[in-house]
Protein backbone atom coordinates (compact mmCIF):
# COMPACT_ATOMS: atom_id res chain seq x y z
CA UNK A 1 235.91 201.51 -32.44
CA UNK A 2 237.77 198.33 -31.51
CA UNK A 3 238.71 195.88 -34.27
CA UNK A 4 240.93 192.92 -35.01
CA UNK A 5 243.32 193.93 -37.78
CA UNK A 6 245.61 191.56 -39.67
CA UNK A 7 248.49 193.91 -40.43
CA UNK A 8 250.38 191.38 -42.53
CA UNK A 9 250.61 187.57 -42.67
CA UNK A 10 250.95 186.06 -39.18
CA UNK A 11 250.58 189.44 -37.49
CA UNK A 12 247.22 190.47 -35.99
CA UNK A 13 246.42 193.12 -33.37
CA UNK A 14 243.43 194.54 -31.54
CA UNK A 15 243.36 198.29 -32.10
CA UNK A 16 241.17 201.36 -32.35
CA UNK A 17 240.13 202.15 -35.94
CA UNK A 18 237.73 204.76 -37.37
CA UNK A 19 234.01 204.12 -37.11
CA UNK A 20 232.67 203.06 -40.57
CA UNK A 21 230.21 205.83 -41.44
CA UNK A 22 227.60 204.54 -43.92
CA UNK A 23 227.44 205.96 -47.41
CA UNK A 24 224.09 206.95 -48.97
CA UNK A 25 223.16 203.33 -49.81
CA UNK A 26 224.86 201.63 -46.85
CA UNK A 27 223.99 200.66 -43.32
CA UNK A 28 226.37 200.39 -40.38
CA UNK A 29 225.75 197.33 -38.22
CA UNK A 30 226.67 196.90 -34.57
CA UNK A 31 228.14 193.41 -34.67
CA UNK A 32 226.83 190.76 -32.27
CA UNK A 33 228.28 187.45 -33.51
CA UNK A 34 231.00 186.56 -36.01
CA UNK A 35 231.83 183.07 -37.19
CA UNK A 36 235.50 182.25 -37.74
CA UNK A 37 235.90 180.67 -41.17
CA UNK A 38 238.77 178.64 -42.58
CA UNK A 39 239.25 181.48 -45.05
CA UNK A 40 240.00 183.80 -42.12
CA UNK A 41 242.81 181.46 -41.13
CA UNK A 42 244.10 181.45 -44.73
CA UNK A 43 244.07 185.27 -44.69
CA UNK A 44 246.00 185.29 -41.41
CA UNK A 45 248.60 182.97 -42.97
CA UNK A 46 248.89 184.97 -46.19
CA UNK A 47 247.33 182.16 -48.24
CA UNK A 48 244.42 184.09 -49.76
CA UNK A 49 243.92 187.00 -52.17
CA UNK A 50 243.34 189.57 -49.42
CA UNK A 51 245.21 192.88 -49.19
CA UNK A 52 246.80 194.02 -45.92
CA UNK A 53 246.04 195.49 -43.48
CA UNK A 54 242.50 194.12 -43.29
CA UNK A 55 239.76 193.48 -40.74
CA UNK A 56 238.60 189.91 -41.45
CA UNK A 57 235.16 188.43 -40.80
CA UNK A 58 232.37 187.69 -43.27
CA UNK A 59 229.98 185.44 -41.29
CA UNK A 60 228.11 187.79 -38.98
CA UNK A 61 224.91 189.15 -37.48
CA UNK A 62 223.99 192.24 -35.52
CA UNK A 63 221.75 195.26 -35.13
CA UNK A 64 221.54 198.24 -37.49
CA UNK A 65 223.21 201.22 -35.82
CA UNK A 66 222.97 203.80 -38.59
CA UNK A 67 221.42 204.00 -42.07
CA UNK A 68 222.52 205.94 -45.13
CA UNK A 69 220.39 208.82 -46.39
CA UNK A 70 218.96 206.85 -49.35
CA UNK A 71 218.14 203.70 -47.37
CA UNK A 72 214.40 203.24 -46.78
CA UNK A 73 214.09 199.47 -46.31
CA UNK A 74 215.83 199.35 -42.92
CA UNK A 75 215.88 201.34 -39.75
CA UNK A 76 218.01 201.65 -36.63
CA UNK A 77 217.43 198.69 -34.31
CA UNK A 78 216.63 196.10 -36.98
CA UNK A 79 218.15 192.68 -36.25
CA UNK A 80 220.01 191.60 -39.39
CA UNK A 81 222.58 189.50 -41.15
CA UNK A 82 224.17 190.33 -44.50
CA UNK A 83 225.55 188.81 -47.67
CA UNK A 84 229.24 189.81 -47.70
CA UNK A 85 229.49 189.56 -51.50
CA UNK A 86 230.52 192.72 -53.36
CA UNK A 87 229.68 192.07 -57.01
CA UNK A 88 230.01 194.96 -59.44
CA UNK A 89 226.73 194.07 -61.21
CA UNK A 90 228.02 195.33 -64.57
CA UNK A 91 230.60 192.89 -65.92
CA UNK A 92 229.87 189.95 -68.23
CA UNK A 93 229.83 187.48 -65.35
CA UNK A 94 227.50 189.51 -63.13
CA UNK A 95 225.12 189.99 -66.04
CA UNK A 96 224.98 186.22 -66.64
CA UNK A 97 224.31 185.20 -63.02
CA UNK A 98 227.92 184.32 -62.31
CA UNK A 99 228.55 187.01 -59.73
CA UNK A 100 231.08 184.94 -57.79
CA UNK A 101 233.31 185.19 -60.88
CA UNK A 102 232.85 188.98 -61.07
CA UNK A 103 235.77 190.73 -62.79
CA UNK A 104 235.84 193.10 -59.82
CA UNK A 105 235.00 190.50 -57.18
CA UNK A 106 235.13 191.58 -53.58
CA UNK A 107 233.74 190.53 -50.23
CA UNK A 108 233.56 191.94 -46.73
CA UNK A 109 236.43 190.60 -44.67
CA UNK A 110 238.18 189.27 -47.77
CA UNK A 111 238.99 192.31 -49.92
CA UNK A 112 237.61 195.11 -47.73
CA UNK A 113 237.24 195.47 -43.98
CA UNK A 114 234.86 192.98 -42.43
CA UNK A 115 233.02 192.19 -39.24
CA UNK A 116 235.66 191.30 -36.64
CA UNK A 117 235.00 194.71 -35.18
CA UNK A 118 232.42 196.53 -33.10
CA UNK A 119 230.83 197.95 -36.26
CA UNK A 120 230.83 197.06 -39.96
CA UNK A 121 229.58 199.02 -42.98
CA UNK A 122 227.51 197.02 -45.49
CA UNK A 123 225.70 197.86 -48.75
CA UNK A 124 222.02 197.82 -47.83
CA UNK A 125 221.11 195.65 -50.84
CA UNK A 126 222.83 192.68 -49.18
CA UNK A 127 221.19 193.07 -45.76
CA UNK A 128 218.48 190.66 -44.56
CA UNK A 129 216.22 191.19 -41.54
CA UNK A 130 216.08 188.22 -39.21
CA UNK A 131 212.97 187.21 -37.25
CA UNK A 132 212.87 187.54 -33.48
CA UNK A 133 212.92 183.76 -33.13
CA UNK A 134 216.27 183.51 -34.94
CA UNK A 135 219.29 183.85 -32.68
CA UNK A 136 222.31 185.95 -33.61
CA UNK A 137 224.29 182.70 -33.53
CA UNK A 138 222.07 181.12 -36.18
CA UNK A 139 222.02 184.29 -38.28
CA UNK A 140 225.83 184.27 -38.42
CA UNK A 141 225.56 180.80 -39.99
CA UNK A 142 223.61 181.98 -43.04
CA UNK A 143 226.77 182.91 -44.98
CA UNK A 144 228.49 179.51 -44.65
CA UNK A 145 225.15 177.88 -45.44
CA UNK A 146 224.97 180.00 -48.59
CA UNK A 147 228.30 178.49 -49.63
CA UNK A 148 226.79 175.03 -49.15
CA UNK A 149 223.74 175.98 -51.22
CA UNK A 150 226.00 177.14 -54.06
CA UNK A 151 228.02 173.92 -53.83
CA UNK A 152 224.86 171.82 -53.98
CA UNK A 153 223.60 173.82 -56.96
CA UNK A 154 226.88 173.12 -58.74
CA UNK A 155 226.79 169.44 -57.87
CA UNK A 156 223.22 168.70 -58.99
CA UNK A 157 223.12 165.55 -56.88
CA UNK A 158 220.91 162.77 -58.22
CA UNK A 159 218.54 160.91 -55.92
CA UNK A 160 220.17 157.62 -54.98
CA UNK A 161 223.77 158.76 -55.55
CA UNK A 162 226.44 157.21 -53.34
CA UNK A 163 228.54 159.99 -51.83
CA UNK A 164 231.94 160.13 -50.16
CA UNK A 165 232.72 163.29 -48.17
CA UNK A 166 236.21 164.19 -46.99
CA UNK A 167 236.15 166.39 -43.88
CA UNK A 168 233.62 166.52 -41.04
CA UNK A 169 234.34 170.00 -39.74
CA UNK A 170 231.69 172.72 -39.50
CA UNK A 171 231.30 172.97 -43.29
CA UNK A 172 231.39 169.21 -43.70
CA UNK A 173 228.64 168.83 -41.10
CA UNK A 174 226.43 171.28 -43.01
CA UNK A 175 227.13 169.35 -46.20
CA UNK A 176 226.10 166.14 -44.43
CA UNK A 177 222.65 167.55 -43.76
CA UNK A 178 222.35 169.04 -47.25
CA UNK A 179 223.44 165.85 -49.03
CA UNK A 180 221.03 163.79 -46.95
CA UNK A 181 218.16 166.15 -47.83
CA UNK A 182 219.12 166.00 -51.52
CA UNK A 183 218.50 162.24 -51.59
CA UNK A 184 221.85 160.44 -51.37
CA UNK A 185 221.38 156.71 -50.82
CA UNK A 186 224.73 156.35 -49.07
CA UNK A 187 226.84 159.06 -47.44
CA UNK A 188 230.24 157.98 -46.19
CA UNK A 189 232.25 160.59 -44.27
CA UNK A 190 235.94 160.40 -43.46
CA UNK A 191 237.91 162.51 -40.98
CA UNK A 192 240.76 162.27 -38.47
CA UNK A 193 238.35 162.84 -35.55
CA UNK A 194 236.08 160.06 -34.31
CA UNK A 195 234.02 162.64 -32.43
CA UNK A 196 233.26 164.50 -35.66
CA UNK A 197 232.41 161.24 -37.42
CA UNK A 198 229.99 160.32 -34.64
CA UNK A 199 228.28 163.69 -35.08
CA UNK A 200 228.06 163.18 -38.84
CA UNK A 201 226.44 159.78 -38.26
CA UNK A 202 223.90 161.38 -35.94
CA UNK A 203 222.91 163.95 -38.57
CA UNK A 204 222.76 161.97 -41.79
CA UNK A 205 225.91 160.04 -42.66
CA UNK A 206 225.48 156.31 -43.20
CA UNK A 207 229.09 155.45 -42.38
CA UNK A 208 232.06 157.15 -40.73
CA UNK A 209 235.65 156.16 -41.51
CA UNK A 210 238.78 157.38 -39.76
CA UNK A 211 241.32 158.70 -42.24
CA UNK A 212 243.93 156.12 -41.30
CA UNK A 213 241.48 153.34 -42.27
CA UNK A 214 240.46 154.94 -45.54
CA UNK A 215 241.85 152.45 -48.07
CA UNK A 216 241.19 149.45 -45.85
CA UNK A 217 237.48 150.21 -45.47
CA UNK A 218 236.70 152.00 -48.73
CA UNK A 219 239.03 150.26 -51.15
CA UNK A 220 237.99 148.29 -54.22
CA UNK A 221 237.38 145.12 -52.19
CA UNK A 222 234.45 146.79 -50.44
CA UNK A 223 233.56 149.40 -53.06
CA UNK A 224 234.53 147.87 -56.43
CA UNK A 225 232.91 150.66 -58.41
CA UNK A 226 233.87 153.54 -56.14
CA UNK A 227 231.43 156.37 -55.46
CA UNK A 228 229.11 158.40 -57.66
CA UNK A 229 230.05 161.66 -55.95
CA UNK A 230 233.20 162.65 -54.05
CA UNK A 231 233.36 165.94 -52.15
CA UNK A 232 236.37 167.52 -50.48
CA UNK A 233 235.67 169.86 -47.58
CA UNK A 234 239.20 169.84 -46.17
CA UNK A 235 241.12 172.02 -48.62
CA UNK A 236 244.22 169.89 -47.99
CA UNK A 237 246.05 169.07 -51.26
CA UNK A 238 247.28 165.66 -50.05
CA UNK A 239 243.73 164.69 -49.11
CA UNK A 240 242.42 165.91 -52.47
CA UNK A 241 244.87 163.69 -54.35
CA UNK A 242 243.59 160.69 -52.38
CA UNK A 243 239.98 161.62 -53.05
CA UNK A 244 240.28 160.93 -56.79
CA UNK A 245 241.13 157.31 -56.01
CA UNK A 246 237.56 156.69 -54.85
CA UNK A 247 235.69 158.00 -57.88
CA UNK A 248 233.69 155.52 -59.90
CA UNK A 249 232.61 155.61 -63.55
CA UNK A 250 230.77 158.83 -64.49
CA UNK A 251 231.53 160.20 -61.02
CA UNK A 252 231.37 163.85 -60.04
CA UNK A 253 234.01 165.52 -57.89
CA UNK A 254 233.31 168.75 -55.99
CA UNK A 255 236.15 170.88 -54.62
CA UNK A 256 234.40 172.66 -51.78
CA UNK A 257 237.24 173.18 -49.30
CA UNK A 258 239.47 176.24 -49.76
CA UNK A 259 243.09 175.34 -50.46
CA UNK A 260 246.08 177.66 -50.05
CA UNK A 261 246.51 179.77 -53.18
CA UNK A 262 248.84 178.23 -55.82
CA UNK A 263 248.48 174.70 -54.44
CA UNK A 264 248.66 171.78 -56.85
CA UNK A 265 247.58 168.14 -56.99
CA UNK A 266 248.21 165.27 -59.38
CA UNK A 267 245.42 163.62 -61.34
CA UNK A 268 245.52 160.83 -63.90
CA UNK A 269 244.14 162.43 -67.10
CA UNK A 270 243.48 159.03 -68.64
CA UNK A 271 241.07 158.19 -65.83
CA UNK A 272 239.44 161.60 -66.25
CA UNK A 273 238.87 160.76 -69.92
CA UNK A 274 238.19 157.04 -69.64
CA UNK A 275 235.80 157.19 -66.68
CA UNK A 276 233.82 160.22 -67.88
CA UNK A 277 234.52 162.14 -64.71
CA UNK A 278 233.14 165.60 -63.99
CA UNK A 279 235.28 167.91 -61.86
CA UNK A 280 233.59 170.92 -60.25
CA UNK A 281 234.66 173.85 -58.12
CA UNK A 282 232.49 175.83 -55.75
CA UNK A 283 233.61 179.38 -55.07
CA UNK A 284 231.93 181.09 -52.12
CA UNK A 285 228.40 182.40 -52.77
CA UNK A 286 226.57 182.98 -56.02
CA UNK A 287 223.22 184.65 -55.29
CA UNK A 288 222.51 181.94 -52.71
CA UNK A 289 222.30 184.00 -49.52
CA UNK A 290 218.50 184.28 -49.50
CA UNK A 291 217.89 180.56 -50.16
CA UNK A 292 220.33 179.77 -47.34
CA UNK A 293 218.55 182.25 -45.07
CA UNK A 294 215.25 180.47 -45.72
CA UNK A 295 216.86 177.10 -45.01
CA UNK A 296 218.23 178.28 -41.67
CA UNK A 297 215.10 180.28 -40.74
CA UNK A 298 212.85 177.27 -41.25
CA UNK A 299 215.35 175.09 -39.35
CA UNK A 300 215.66 172.65 -42.24
CA UNK A 301 219.37 172.79 -41.46
CA UNK A 302 220.27 172.60 -37.77
CA UNK A 303 223.27 174.57 -36.63
CA UNK A 304 223.18 174.95 -32.82
CA UNK A 305 225.16 171.73 -32.30
CA UNK A 306 227.91 172.99 -34.63
CA UNK A 307 229.03 175.84 -32.37
CA UNK A 308 231.91 174.47 -30.31
CA UNK A 309 232.53 177.64 -28.33
CA UNK A 310 232.31 181.42 -28.28
CA UNK A 311 235.33 183.61 -27.67
CA UNK A 312 236.15 187.30 -27.33
CA UNK A 313 237.75 189.43 -30.02
CA UNK A 314 240.96 189.44 -27.97
CA UNK A 315 241.02 185.64 -27.77
CA UNK A 316 240.64 185.38 -31.55
CA UNK A 317 244.30 186.22 -32.22
CA UNK A 318 245.51 183.14 -30.34
CA UNK A 319 242.85 181.05 -32.09
CA UNK A 320 244.13 182.18 -35.50
CA UNK A 321 247.69 181.41 -34.50
CA UNK A 322 246.72 177.88 -33.42
CA UNK A 323 247.12 175.09 -32.71
CA UNK A 324 243.43 174.20 -32.88
CA UNK A 325 241.90 170.97 -31.62
CA UNK A 326 240.86 168.51 -34.33
CA UNK A 327 237.49 168.18 -32.57
CA UNK A 328 236.64 171.89 -32.86
CA UNK A 329 233.76 172.75 -35.20
CA UNK A 330 232.54 176.33 -35.51
CA UNK A 331 233.94 178.99 -33.20
CA UNK A 332 232.08 182.28 -33.01
CA UNK A 333 233.24 185.63 -31.67
CA UNK A 334 230.78 187.31 -29.33
CA UNK A 335 231.08 191.09 -29.27
């Protein structure tokens, strides 16, 4: 079968690889759509924990092509998506509902071959049938939405909180809708792209601020007490350092964006102590795939407007290499 393989950092090729025959408890899926995630870019650049060579891709949908001998829940032809998480289910963290911290953590497209290929093998326990009314495009959005659900579970937003969100890309736009639904009284979004800010305003933000105007518009003159919640969806260390400047007393900070591994930022520990801040991380998915699936299925979260374009597997290499337009949201591969 044809697949995109990252051989080593900054080197990707399209090549023929063996068909992934399902094991007894697996299914093999003929891939229809794959979303390109920021993590895929980090893997391409050698900035993530992935081994090489690897087939990336963990946001996907398709049709079951073959089922393992012990699989009874699914059959050939079922339209599906799948949770890419590979938790061991036996370690201390798995047994205490902290699977995303599994001692043997893995994920399709991150630690084992993923879905940027004609076929992908998946444990059947993570597979979810999708209704006929759900498009393959929408189904490939369930995984990133599951990341948002986990982030919101970590955050425990309070009704009436004033929120500042850094980054209005595809993940930021999903967070906009989620934060609005959770009851934020004010949701200010900042980004380098006016087009993305306009979209955020259309879908739930109360104010959009260009990054170059950040301190002028959101400084202490206009927001003397800062914000109750600050979220970073950029993963850019320099942006993260700025974000702490806008936290008010008792504020919560959520690191949602994925940074390059071994990055560092400065924080004033006195403010952390004196202002009673809470600093949270949000790592991938933690048993949140099914809730996210329900959210997308019932169209409580809208995603069609977040797909900027669809490209071929061959075109994906140039996309990973960049440069990428600042106005691009989600790009999906259509196989």
